[in-house]
């Protein structure tokens, strides 16, 4: 059956039953417009307009993204039939716990500041941080860590959250300070000097490697860790963790609200999922700022 004949029958079906019958019908029409003429039974996504683009996925998941794949942490041992015989060693290096990493952007701060120390939280920023702390307390997870960058606005946000989780010990890390990871694609309306990417990028990548990874084999129970930092850092972390193009960080950052929750889950297998991004459902609409 020819490609044109297939398309004609599909359109006749839509005319008979109406395009408004279901959204799925319209979706099917959009998808089936691009049918490989060489093989009528292959249907491609509607945005795919060339048979040369059909090998998916373009970028496959790298299971060793954090360099902690258990199979690569032990010396390979083969028997006479070239079969792996080091299964016990691999098992010892295999994590069993899940890491839940909750990334918090700092609250609203003084945008008219001329120095970093003057970038303290506004009254609304303090209210936002209190609401975030109360939300984390009400979630009642068995938190194991609370760490923040060393910038004033992040330190203040972290300390306000700590009031609601007093059993945690507060940590600081200058690796988490705000900065420009890599030149974004597409570029924003502004572009900092290139040396800032050169200066900040390695530090932010080092922060990702230190804080975002699967659990160690010694960790026996799931952990819930809170990291208070900054919008550009969080956007970059999310892209890297999900193995999206990291230069897309600005697309995430521009929609990240102050004192919002972003929740990454790293499974023992190394698979990563995004539970939520920029959650502010616990705030009133007039308390949400960007």
Protein backbone atom coordinates (compact mmCIF):
# COMPACT_ATOMS: atom_id res chain seq x y z
CA UNK A 1 0.00 0.00 0.00
CA UNK A 2 1.44 3.38 -0.98
CA UNK A 3 2.30 6.18 1.44
CA UNK A 4 -0.29 8.49 -0.17
CA UNK A 5 -2.96 5.77 0.13
CA UNK A 6 -2.20 5.38 3.86
CA UNK A 7 -2.47 9.09 4.41
CA UNK A 8 -5.73 9.30 2.40
CA UNK A 9 -7.35 6.52 4.50
CA UNK A 10 -6.27 8.18 7.73
CA UNK A 11 -7.71 11.54 6.72
CA UNK A 12 -10.94 9.88 5.59
CA UNK A 13 -11.20 8.27 9.03
CA UNK A 14 -10.80 11.65 10.71
CA UNK A 15 -13.42 13.26 8.46
CA UNK A 16 -15.86 10.44 9.24
CA UNK A 17 -15.51 10.47 13.01
CA UNK A 18 -14.50 14.11 13.51
CA UNK A 19 -11.19 15.58 14.60
CA UNK A 20 -12.75 16.59 17.89
CA UNK A 21 -13.55 13.03 18.96
CA UNK A 22 -10.36 12.74 20.93
CA UNK A 23 -7.07 14.55 21.20
CA UNK A 24 -5.35 11.26 20.49
CA UNK A 25 -6.93 11.15 17.03
CA UNK A 26 -5.39 14.50 16.16
CA UNK A 27 -2.07 13.36 17.59
CA UNK A 28 -2.17 10.25 15.42
CA UNK A 29 -2.76 12.38 12.34
CA UNK A 30 0.24 14.54 13.23
CA UNK A 31 2.44 11.51 13.76
CA UNK A 32 1.38 9.56 10.71
CA UNK A 33 1.92 12.38 8.24
CA UNK A 34 5.58 11.30 8.18
CA UNK A 35 5.53 7.66 7.09
CA UNK A 36 8.62 6.17 5.55
CA UNK A 37 7.82 5.66 1.87
CA UNK A 38 10.12 2.64 1.77
CA UNK A 39 8.32 0.90 4.62
CA UNK A 40 4.66 1.78 5.16
CA UNK A 41 4.57 0.15 8.59
CA UNK A 42 7.13 2.46 10.26
CA UNK A 43 5.63 5.49 11.95
CA UNK A 44 7.87 8.23 13.27
CA UNK A 45 7.44 11.15 15.63
CA UNK A 46 5.85 14.12 13.89
CA UNK A 47 8.94 16.28 14.34
CA UNK A 48 11.07 13.67 12.54
CA UNK A 49 11.07 14.49 8.84
CA UNK A 50 13.91 12.34 7.60
CA UNK A 51 14.58 8.62 7.70
CA UNK A 52 18.20 9.54 8.44
CA UNK A 53 17.16 10.67 11.94
CA UNK A 54 15.55 7.45 13.11
CA UNK A 55 18.21 5.85 15.28
CA UNK A 56 17.04 6.55 18.84
CA UNK A 57 18.14 7.43 21.38
CA UNK A 58 20.65 9.85 19.94
CA UNK A 59 22.49 9.97 23.27
CA UNK A 60 22.33 6.79 25.30
CA UNK A 61 22.31 6.75 29.10
CA UNK A 62 25.79 6.50 30.57
CA UNK A 63 25.45 4.17 33.55
CA UNK A 64 28.90 5.16 34.76
CA UNK A 65 28.14 8.90 34.80
CA UNK A 66 29.34 9.23 38.41
CA UNK A 67 32.27 6.82 37.89
CA UNK A 68 30.73 4.48 40.49
CA UNK A 69 29.45 1.62 38.33
CA UNK A 70 30.16 -1.43 40.55
CA UNK A 71 31.34 -3.54 37.62
CA UNK A 72 34.08 -1.00 36.94
CA UNK A 73 35.22 -0.71 40.56
CA UNK A 74 36.62 -4.24 40.79
CA UNK A 75 39.34 -6.03 38.91
CA UNK A 76 37.85 -8.17 36.14
CA UNK A 77 38.48 -11.90 36.61
CA UNK A 78 37.74 -14.45 33.88
CA UNK A 79 37.63 -18.23 33.95
CA UNK A 80 38.92 -20.52 31.21
CA UNK A 81 35.70 -19.92 29.22
CA UNK A 82 36.12 -16.15 29.44
CA UNK A 83 33.16 -15.78 31.83
CA UNK A 84 33.15 -13.26 34.65
CA UNK A 85 33.85 -14.93 38.00
CA UNK A 86 34.07 -11.86 40.22
CA UNK A 87 30.34 -11.55 40.92
CA UNK A 88 30.89 -11.53 44.69
CA UNK A 89 33.33 -8.64 44.45
CA UNK A 90 30.87 -6.70 42.28
CA UNK A 91 28.08 -7.39 44.77
CA UNK A 92 30.18 -5.95 47.59
CA UNK A 93 30.60 -2.73 45.61
CA UNK A 94 26.91 -2.45 44.67
CA UNK A 95 24.87 0.13 46.62
CA UNK A 96 21.52 -0.83 48.12
CA UNK A 97 20.31 2.60 49.28
CA UNK A 98 18.73 5.51 47.41
CA UNK A 99 19.88 9.10 47.77
CA UNK A 100 17.21 11.81 47.76
CA UNK A 101 18.77 15.21 47.14
CA UNK A 102 16.57 18.23 47.78
CA UNK A 103 17.97 21.40 46.21
CA UNK A 104 16.74 24.69 47.62
CA UNK A 105 17.26 28.02 45.95
CA UNK A 106 17.87 30.86 48.42
CA UNK A 107 15.06 33.29 49.25
CA UNK A 108 14.50 36.69 47.68
CA UNK A 109 17.40 39.04 48.43
CA UNK A 110 18.42 42.68 48.13
CA UNK A 111 18.86 43.23 44.39
CA UNK A 112 20.34 46.70 44.89
CA UNK A 113 23.39 45.38 46.71
CA UNK A 114 26.83 46.46 45.56
CA UNK A 115 28.72 43.77 47.47
CA UNK A 116 28.09 40.11 48.22
CA UNK A 117 27.60 40.82 51.93
CA UNK A 118 24.81 43.26 51.08
CA UNK A 119 22.91 40.54 49.21
CA UNK A 120 20.98 39.64 52.35
CA UNK A 121 17.40 38.35 52.38
CA UNK A 122 14.50 40.74 52.15
CA UNK A 123 11.59 40.42 54.57
CA UNK A 124 9.77 38.40 51.91
CA UNK A 125 12.87 36.27 51.40
CA UNK A 126 12.90 35.43 55.10
CA UNK A 127 9.21 34.55 54.96
CA UNK A 128 9.84 32.31 51.95
CA UNK A 129 12.68 30.54 53.80
CA UNK A 130 10.46 29.99 56.85
CA UNK A 131 7.78 28.48 54.65
CA UNK A 132 10.33 26.20 53.03
CA UNK A 133 11.65 25.11 56.42
CA UNK A 134 8.12 24.36 57.61
CA UNK A 135 7.44 22.39 54.43
CA UNK A 136 10.57 20.27 54.90
CA UNK A 137 9.63 19.66 58.54
CA UNK A 138 6.09 18.63 57.60
CA UNK A 139 7.39 16.20 54.97
CA UNK A 140 9.04 14.48 57.94
CA UNK A 141 11.75 12.69 55.99
CA UNK A 142 14.72 11.21 57.87
CA UNK A 143 17.07 13.99 56.81
CA UNK A 144 20.76 13.23 57.05
CA UNK A 145 22.41 16.42 55.83
CA UNK A 146 21.93 20.19 55.54
CA UNK A 147 24.56 22.08 53.54
CA UNK A 148 24.64 25.50 51.92
CA UNK A 149 26.88 27.67 49.82
CA UNK A 150 28.82 30.41 51.58
CA UNK A 151 27.01 33.33 49.97
CA UNK A 152 25.07 35.52 52.41
CA UNK A 153 21.64 34.86 50.91
CA UNK A 154 22.16 31.08 50.94
CA UNK A 155 23.60 31.06 54.47
CA UNK A 156 20.63 33.04 55.79
CA UNK A 157 18.15 30.79 53.98
CA UNK A 158 19.86 27.70 55.34
CA UNK A 159 19.90 29.03 58.91
CA UNK A 160 16.18 29.83 58.77
CA UNK A 161 15.47 26.31 57.51
CA UNK A 162 17.67 24.90 60.27
CA UNK A 163 15.29 26.31 62.89
CA UNK A 164 12.74 23.76 61.69
CA UNK A 165 15.26 20.91 61.56
CA UNK A 166 17.42 21.58 64.64
CA UNK A 167 18.80 18.04 64.88
CA UNK A 168 20.82 18.48 61.69
CA UNK A 169 24.36 19.83 61.65
CA UNK A 170 24.82 22.71 59.21
CA UNK A 171 27.65 22.45 56.68
CA UNK A 172 29.02 25.07 54.28
CA UNK A 173 30.74 24.62 50.94
CA UNK A 174 32.13 27.32 48.69
CA UNK A 175 31.89 24.88 45.78
CA UNK A 176 28.14 25.60 45.83
CA UNK A 177 28.53 29.36 45.39
CA UNK A 178 26.69 30.93 42.48
CA UNK A 179 28.49 31.18 39.18
CA UNK A 180 28.34 30.68 35.43
CA UNK A 181 28.75 26.96 34.59
CA UNK A 182 29.25 27.03 30.81
CA UNK A 183 28.02 29.29 27.99
CA UNK A 184 24.27 28.60 27.68
CA UNK A 185 22.49 27.48 24.54
CA UNK A 186 20.55 29.39 23.41
CA UNK A 187 22.37 32.45 24.79
CA UNK A 188 20.47 34.68 27.18
CA UNK A 189 19.79 38.39 26.75
CA UNK A 190 23.09 38.98 28.53
CA UNK A 191 26.47 37.30 28.29
CA UNK A 192 29.10 37.58 31.01
CA UNK A 193 32.75 37.78 30.11
CA UNK A 194 34.15 34.46 28.94
CA UNK A 195 36.70 34.30 31.74
CA UNK A 196 33.84 33.88 34.23
CA UNK A 197 32.80 30.60 32.60
CA UNK A 198 36.44 29.54 32.67
CA UNK A 199 36.69 30.52 36.34
CA UNK A 200 33.34 29.27 37.68
CA UNK A 201 32.70 26.26 35.46
CA UNK A 202 35.30 23.85 36.91
CA UNK A 203 34.20 24.70 40.47
CA UNK A 204 30.52 24.07 39.76
CA UNK A 205 31.37 20.82 37.98
CA UNK A 206 33.44 19.83 41.04
CA UNK A 207 30.40 20.57 43.23
CA UNK A 208 28.27 18.33 41.05
CA UNK A 209 30.76 15.48 41.32
CA UNK A 210 30.99 15.87 45.08
CA UNK A 211 27.30 16.16 45.92
CA UNK A 212 25.40 14.37 43.11
CA UNK A 213 26.15 10.66 42.81
CA UNK A 214 24.78 7.26 43.82
CA UNK A 215 25.16 6.01 47.39
CA UNK A 216 28.23 4.18 48.60
CA UNK A 217 27.99 0.45 49.41
CA UNK A 218 28.43 1.33 53.09
CA UNK A 219 25.17 3.32 53.12
CA UNK A 220 22.49 0.87 54.25
CA UNK A 221 19.39 3.12 54.42
CA UNK A 222 17.93 5.73 52.10
CA UNK A 223 19.14 9.27 52.72
CA UNK A 224 17.45 12.67 52.38
CA UNK A 225 19.92 15.50 51.94
CA UNK A 226 19.17 19.23 51.71
CA UNK A 227 21.42 21.52 49.68
CA UNK A 228 20.76 25.27 49.77
CA UNK A 229 22.40 27.05 46.87
CA UNK A 230 21.62 29.09 43.75
CA UNK A 231 19.59 29.10 40.56
CA UNK A 232 22.36 28.64 38.01
CA UNK A 233 23.98 25.90 40.08
CA UNK A 234 20.68 24.03 40.44
CA UNK A 235 19.89 24.35 36.72
CA UNK A 236 23.30 22.91 35.85
CA UNK A 237 22.97 20.10 38.42
CA UNK A 238 19.62 19.05 36.97
CA UNK A 239 20.92 18.98 33.40
CA UNK A 240 24.01 16.99 34.40
CA UNK A 241 22.11 14.54 36.61
CA UNK A 242 19.50 13.79 33.94
CA UNK A 243 22.20 13.66 31.24
CA UNK A 244 20.56 16.46 29.30
CA UNK A 245 22.88 18.81 27.38
CA UNK A 246 24.44 20.81 30.23
CA UNK A 247 24.46 24.01 28.20
CA UNK A 248 20.67 24.03 28.63
CA UNK A 249 21.00 25.10 32.28
CA UNK A 250 19.66 28.61 31.60
CA UNK A 251 16.37 27.18 30.35
CA UNK A 252 15.86 25.64 33.80
CA UNK A 253 17.22 28.56 35.80
CA UNK A 254 14.89 31.19 34.39
CA UNK A 255 11.84 29.40 35.85
CA UNK A 256 13.25 28.62 39.31
CA UNK A 257 11.46 30.46 42.14
CA UNK A 258 13.08 31.69 45.32
CA UNK A 259 13.16 29.17 48.20
CA UNK A 260 11.64 26.51 45.95
CA UNK A 261 12.24 22.74 46.22
CA UNK A 262 13.88 20.66 43.51
CA UNK A 263 14.08 16.95 44.27
CA UNK A 264 16.52 14.57 42.57
CA UNK A 265 16.50 10.84 43.30
CA UNK A 266 19.58 8.73 42.60
CA UNK A 267 18.89 4.98 42.70
CA UNK A 268 21.48 2.33 43.62
CA UNK A 269 21.63 1.42 39.93
CA UNK A 270 22.72 4.95 39.09
CA UNK A 271 19.41 5.84 37.44
CA UNK A 272 18.28 9.38 38.21
CA UNK A 273 14.79 10.84 38.32
CA UNK A 274 13.44 14.34 38.94
CA UNK A 275 10.63 14.19 41.50
CA UNK A 276 9.85 17.90 41.25
CA UNK A 277 11.44 21.10 40.01
CA UNK A 278 10.98 24.51 41.62
CA UNK A 279 8.05 23.42 43.82
CA UNK A 280 6.37 26.38 45.56
CA UNK A 281 2.97 24.79 46.23
CA UNK A 282 3.34 25.52 49.94
CA UNK A 283 3.47 29.32 49.32
CA UNK A 284 0.70 31.80 48.62
CA UNK A 285 0.75 33.22 45.08
CA UNK A 286 1.82 36.66 46.30
CA UNK A 287 4.81 35.10 48.09
CA UNK A 288 6.33 33.56 44.95
CA UNK A 289 9.15 35.48 43.29
CA UNK A 290 11.85 34.68 40.79
